[in-house]
Amino acid sequence: MKKSRKQAPRKLEQQVDDKTAKRVEKGKPKKTNPLAPPINIEAGS
């Protein structure tokens, strides 16, 4: 079997940019890391 032709890097980058733009438009956050400590945004100085 022959491998299918890979997409050009520019075309692949465009697809990634499109997906990111759609996620931002819909307001969906990125997947968070469940092992990361919580961030306290109300902390005083």
C-alpha atoms as a PDB file:
ATOM      1  CA  MET A   1       0.000   0.000   0.000  1.00  0.00           C
ATOM      2  CA  LYS A   2       1.185   3.465  -0.799  1.00  0.00           C
ATOM      3  CA  LYS A   3       0.923   6.176   1.799  1.00  0.00           C
ATOM      4  CA  SER A   4      -1.510   8.917   0.958  1.00  0.00           C
ATOM      5  CA  ARG A   5      -0.009  12.262   0.113  1.00  0.00           C
ATOM      6  CA  LYS A   6       0.490  14.497   3.105  1.00  0.00           C
ATOM      7  CA  GLN A   7      -1.189  17.870   3.178  1.00  0.00           C
ATOM      8  CA  ALA A   8       0.967  20.886   2.545  1.00  0.00           C
ATOM      9  CA  PRO A   9       2.116  22.495   5.824  1.00  0.00           C
ATOM     10  CA  ARG A  10       0.403  25.779   4.940  1.00  0.00           C
ATOM     11  CA  LYS A  11      -2.924  24.035   4.391  1.00  0.00           C
ATOM     12  CA  LEU A  12      -2.565  22.166   7.688  1.00  0.00           C
ATOM     13  CA  GLU A  13      -1.764  25.424   9.504  1.00  0.00           C
ATOM     14  CA  GLN A  14      -4.873  27.005   7.985  1.00  0.00           C
ATOM     15  CA  GLN A  15      -7.024  24.134   9.296  1.00  0.00           C
ATOM     16  CA  VAL A  16      -5.581  24.577  12.791  1.00  0.00           C
ATOM     17  CA  ASP A  17      -6.218  28.326  12.629  1.00  0.00           C
ATOM     18  CA  ASP A  18      -9.799  27.709  11.476  1.00  0.00           C
ATOM     19  CA  LYS A  19     -10.434  25.303  14.355  1.00  0.00           C
ATOM     20  CA  THR A  20      -8.994  27.782  16.850  1.00  0.00           C
ATOM     21  CA  ALA A  21     -11.112  30.595  15.425  1.00  0.00           C
ATOM     22  CA  LYS A  22     -14.275  28.490  15.666  1.00  0.00           C
ATOM     23  CA  ARG A  23     -13.497  27.551  19.278  1.00  0.00           C
ATOM     24  CA  VAL A  24     -12.942  31.211  20.172  1.00  0.00           C
ATOM     25  CA  GLU A  25     -16.149  32.266  18.408  1.00  0.00           C
ATOM     26  CA  LYS A  26     -18.149  29.668  20.327  1.00  0.00           C
ATOM     27  CA  GLY A  27     -16.465  30.630  23.589  1.00  0.00           C
ATOM     28  CA  LYS A  28     -15.237  27.120  24.296  1.00  0.00           C
ATOM     29  CA  PRO A  29     -12.214  27.081  26.597  1.00  0.00           C
ATOM     30  CA  LYS A  30      -9.233  24.892  25.890  1.00  0.00           C
ATOM     31  CA  LYS A  31      -9.084  21.598  27.719  1.00  0.00           C
ATOM     32  CA  THR A  32      -7.691  22.276  31.161  1.00  0.00           C
ATOM     33  CA  ASN A  33      -5.020  20.213  32.821  1.00  0.00           C
ATOM     34  CA  PRO A  34      -6.705  18.311  35.680  1.00  0.00           C
ATOM     35  CA  LEU A  35      -3.361  18.042  37.482  1.00  0.00           C
ATOM     36  CA  ALA A  36      -2.695  21.784  37.483  1.00  0.00           C
ATOM     37  CA  PRO A  37      -3.283  23.626  40.773  1.00  0.00           C
ATOM     38  CA  PRO A  38      -6.291  25.957  40.867  1.00  0.00           C
ATOM     39  CA  ILE A  39      -5.632  29.599  40.026  1.00  0.00           C
ATOM     40  CA  ASN A  40      -6.823  32.138  42.571  1.00  0.00           C
ATOM     41  CA  ILE A  41      -7.865  35.190  40.551  1.00  0.00           C
ATOM     42  CA  GLU A  42      -9.200  37.004  43.631  1.00  0.00           C
ATOM     43  CA  ALA A  43      -5.941  36.927  45.574  1.00  0.00           C
ATOM     44  CA  GLY A  44      -4.790  40.106  47.265  1.00  0.00           C
ATOM     45  CA  SER A  45      -1.279  41.439  47.029  1.00  0.00           C
END
